[in-house]
């Protein structure tokens, strides 16, 4: 009996060791393929690959260095999380047979990228980088968004984030649950989950997709310090008390929605005010039970909103209805006398200098670029690349150039050290 037990344990060890090697070697092969595919644009590095006793597959110390910039993206650990080694082996076998596992969870720990890098600076300093950054900056002196300099003064230079993405598929109930989370230290936590009832129609995939039901959707924002930093920073920048700035911000926030042809309901505005006064957790959720076909046939944003029937909850309080009205013309709101006061920086007019009216074709020194805001220029870099655009701002030894791309606009930061020549264009 004892000999049989020893043989059984030995078989388990051999099978476990073989499976361990099989899975980790396959992951290393995939990483090496990724290195080759990314080689033309950058260098991918990675550290140890191993499996924990609990069944989690980990790839440690990943880093990507693009060739064309000084950026570096670092990830301390990427994990495929399971509840046991046997589950991990089952998932590996399913994926090897080109099937989809019923459950997967990926975690990314310690994601870091320097805001001052070229690529991320292009995102953080671009006015077109996202509506949420515009809305949060509403009423903060003359800002339309928060650029790197603002985030730097708030104390955010190298944010470190953890991310998780998971899905759970139930064959018996045809339900798909998708969950995600992003936590940035000292700033915020974003969470979402979506519950879908899938109608699988092999004969007509499009019909199956349209019949799929949205059972539940939830998005939440948990403040970890960023909202407080924004309020404190903007109060200083505007010269107002925090209470006075908050009122100015909320009015500017409504104006920004109004300029997008959206009128906010009173409950929504009151809920947002409550959150900004006590910034803890804000949740938007909906339990519509409607199909994709019903949403596609709704015919108008108001009809879609009515079917979704979303609610907003502030700091675990009573849910409020999310009511919006979509109007044909931008809404103009009358500002109160108190919130109409602007900071000295917001009311100052840029000084006009003789060089501002310089003739087209003149070569500009980097030290005088701030005298040519909103002027068209041609920028030639040291590596020979050439860009045309309009000077938006000059700060932190960077020229911020507004360019027209893909029928839209973007602001591109250009380091002084990379500039070979800046020449004025014709008006």
Foldseek 3Di string as FASTA:
>chain_A
DVVVVVVVVVVVVVVLVVLFCVVQVVVVVVVVVVQVVCVVFWGWDWDDWGADQQQKTKTAWIKIQTPVWRKMKTWGIKIWDDRHVVVNSVCVVCVVVVHHDQKTKIKTFWIKIFCPIQPNQLLQVKLPNDDVQQLLCFLLQPDSGGGPVNCVVLPDGIKTKMKMWMWGADPVQQKIKIKIWMDIAQFKIKIKMWIKRFQDDPVDRVVRQQQIWTFKIKIKIFGNHNLVSSLVSSCVSFVHDSVLSLVLSLVRSQLVCLQVQKHWDPQVSVLVSVCSVPPGMKMKMFRQRDGNNCLVPLPDPQSNCVSRQIWMDHPNDDTHTGDMDGHDHRDDDDDDPSSVRGHPVNPDDDDADPCCPPDFFDWDDLVCVQNPAQFWKWWAWPVGDIDIFGFHHAPPQWTWGWDQDPNRIGTGTDHNNGTPIITTHHD
